[in-house]
């Protein structure tokens, strides 16, 4: 899909364009992404900036019981790369086990003094879901 929009933005103007391709390679693999550029101008303050946002997403189904998905995003405004990787295991209906890894990485660590750390945030989550049935 392709999208172009514009309008007011907090006392300024914004023009935005995006392109979002996706590919369903098979019933087991889906891949997609998007690129978005925003131009924001504040004429009364004589300020402007351009933001680039790049996203990638993939979903992979190993079997009816296991699947994995990954999401990676780069944001030029914050010079960060955000990633989310999730693995799902479903041994029986109503029970799910998720392992999730999230991370925010500084893509331009040396832009500030002192230098920023490589990772702003990192987490690994283990989540178990058990659905209860009520005999009504």
Protein backbone atom coordinates (compact mmCIF):
# COMPACT_ATOMS: atom_id res chain seq x y z
CA UNK A 1 0.00 0.00 0.00
CA UNK A 2 1.03 3.61 -0.55
CA UNK A 3 -0.23 6.53 1.53
CA UNK A 4 0.33 10.29 1.34
CA UNK A 5 -1.19 12.68 3.86
CA UNK A 6 -0.73 16.16 5.23
CA UNK A 7 -2.21 18.64 7.63
CA UNK A 8 -1.69 20.62 10.81
CA UNK A 9 0.68 19.34 13.47
CA UNK A 10 0.92 21.11 16.87
CA UNK A 11 1.04 24.61 15.40
CA UNK A 12 2.95 23.54 12.30
CA UNK A 13 2.37 21.47 9.20
CA UNK A 14 3.16 17.86 8.41
CA UNK A 15 3.47 16.06 5.11
CA UNK A 16 3.76 12.29 5.37
CA UNK A 17 4.28 9.49 2.90
CA UNK A 18 4.52 5.75 3.42
CA UNK A 19 5.04 2.56 1.46
CA UNK A 20 4.10 -0.84 2.96
CA UNK A 21 4.87 -4.00 0.97
CA UNK A 22 3.96 -7.45 2.25
CA UNK A 23 4.60 -10.94 0.98
CA UNK A 24 2.73 -14.11 1.95
CA UNK A 25 5.34 -16.63 0.85
CA UNK A 26 3.33 -19.61 2.09
CA UNK A 27 0.74 -20.45 4.74
CA UNK A 28 3.73 -20.75 7.09
CA UNK A 29 5.69 -17.58 6.30
CA UNK A 30 4.57 -13.95 6.09
CA UNK A 31 6.99 -11.06 5.60
CA UNK A 32 6.19 -7.38 5.53
CA UNK A 33 7.63 -3.98 6.10
CA UNK A 34 7.05 -0.30 5.73
CA UNK A 35 8.90 2.94 5.18
CA UNK A 36 7.43 6.24 6.35
CA UNK A 37 8.86 9.72 5.98
CA UNK A 38 7.41 12.76 7.76
CA UNK A 39 8.39 16.36 7.03
CA UNK A 40 7.32 18.69 9.82
CA UNK A 41 7.64 22.49 9.57
CA UNK A 42 7.01 25.13 12.22
CA UNK A 43 7.12 28.32 10.15
CA UNK A 44 6.38 30.68 13.05
CA UNK A 45 9.42 29.29 14.95
CA UNK A 46 11.59 28.82 11.85
CA UNK A 47 12.11 25.15 12.76
CA UNK A 48 11.65 21.93 10.81
CA UNK A 49 12.72 18.30 10.81
CA UNK A 50 12.34 15.13 8.80
CA UNK A 51 11.66 11.77 10.42
CA UNK A 52 12.21 8.35 8.83
CA UNK A 53 10.55 5.23 10.20
CA UNK A 54 11.46 1.79 8.80
CA UNK A 55 9.64 -1.34 9.98
CA UNK A 56 10.10 -5.05 9.27
CA UNK A 57 7.80 -7.85 10.43
CA UNK A 58 7.79 -11.59 9.86
CA UNK A 59 5.62 -14.41 11.12
CA UNK A 60 6.61 -18.04 10.86
CA UNK A 61 4.45 -21.04 11.77
CA UNK A 62 6.47 -24.16 12.45
CA UNK A 63 3.41 -26.32 13.18
CA UNK A 64 -0.07 -25.97 14.69
CA UNK A 65 1.63 -25.88 18.10
CA UNK A 66 4.59 -23.59 17.55
CA UNK A 67 5.07 -20.22 15.90
CA UNK A 68 7.46 -17.28 15.99
CA UNK A 69 7.23 -13.64 15.03
CA UNK A 70 9.74 -10.81 14.78
CA UNK A 71 9.29 -7.04 14.60
CA UNK A 72 12.16 -4.59 14.06
CA UNK A 73 11.77 -0.82 13.75
CA UNK A 74 14.26 2.00 13.12
CA UNK A 75 13.31 5.57 14.07
CA UNK A 76 15.61 8.33 12.83
CA UNK A 77 14.17 10.90 15.26
CA UNK A 78 15.53 9.02 18.26
CA UNK A 79 18.29 7.11 16.43
CA UNK A 80 16.99 3.87 17.93
CA UNK A 81 16.27 0.36 16.72
CA UNK A 82 13.44 -1.42 18.54
CA UNK A 83 13.08 -5.19 18.27
CA UNK A 84 10.53 -7.67 19.51
CA UNK A 85 10.90 -11.42 18.95
CA UNK A 86 8.20 -13.78 20.20
CA UNK A 87 8.06 -17.57 20.30
CA UNK A 88 4.73 -19.30 21.07
CA UNK A 89 4.22 -22.91 22.10
CA UNK A 90 0.69 -24.32 22.37
CA UNK A 91 0.82 -27.90 23.78
CA UNK A 92 -2.99 -28.19 24.03
CA UNK A 93 -5.89 -25.88 23.31
CA UNK A 94 -6.29 -23.26 26.05
CA UNK A 95 -2.64 -23.36 27.16
CA UNK A 96 0.05 -21.16 25.66
CA UNK A 97 3.67 -20.55 26.58
CA UNK A 98 5.35 -17.41 25.22
CA UNK A 99 8.99 -16.41 25.30
CA UNK A 100 9.41 -12.74 24.33
CA UNK A 101 12.61 -10.76 23.83
CA UNK A 102 12.38 -6.94 23.61
CA UNK A 103 15.29 -4.58 23.08
CA UNK A 104 15.89 -0.90 22.29
CA UNK A 105 19.34 -0.22 20.79
CA UNK A 106 20.98 3.17 20.25
CA UNK A 107 21.98 3.30 16.59
CA UNK A 108 24.17 6.39 16.98
CA UNK A 109 25.83 5.90 20.36
CA UNK A 110 28.60 8.40 19.76
CA UNK A 111 26.41 11.42 18.92
CA UNK A 112 26.36 12.59 22.56
CA UNK A 113 29.04 13.14 25.14
CA UNK A 114 29.34 10.99 27.20
CA UNK A 115 28.59 8.16 24.78
CA UNK A 116 25.24 6.44 25.14
CA UNK A 117 25.12 2.75 26.03
CA UNK A 118 24.51 0.28 23.21
CA UNK A 119 21.20 -0.90 24.69
CA UNK A 120 18.63 1.42 26.27
CA UNK A 121 16.38 -1.40 27.38
CA UNK A 122 16.35 -5.18 27.22
CA UNK A 123 13.85 -7.67 28.58
CA UNK A 124 13.11 -11.35 28.28
CA UNK A 125 9.62 -12.38 29.30
CA UNK A 126 8.18 -15.79 29.99
CA UNK A 127 4.38 -15.88 29.89
CA UNK A 128 2.10 -18.84 30.48
CA UNK A 129 -1.61 -18.62 29.70
CA UNK A 130 -4.09 -21.21 30.95
CA UNK A 131 -7.72 -20.75 29.96
CA UNK A 132 -10.22 -21.95 32.54
CA UNK A 133 -13.51 -23.42 31.46
CA UNK A 134 -16.61 -23.02 33.54
CA UNK A 135 -19.22 -25.76 33.54
CA UNK A 136 -22.36 -23.67 33.24
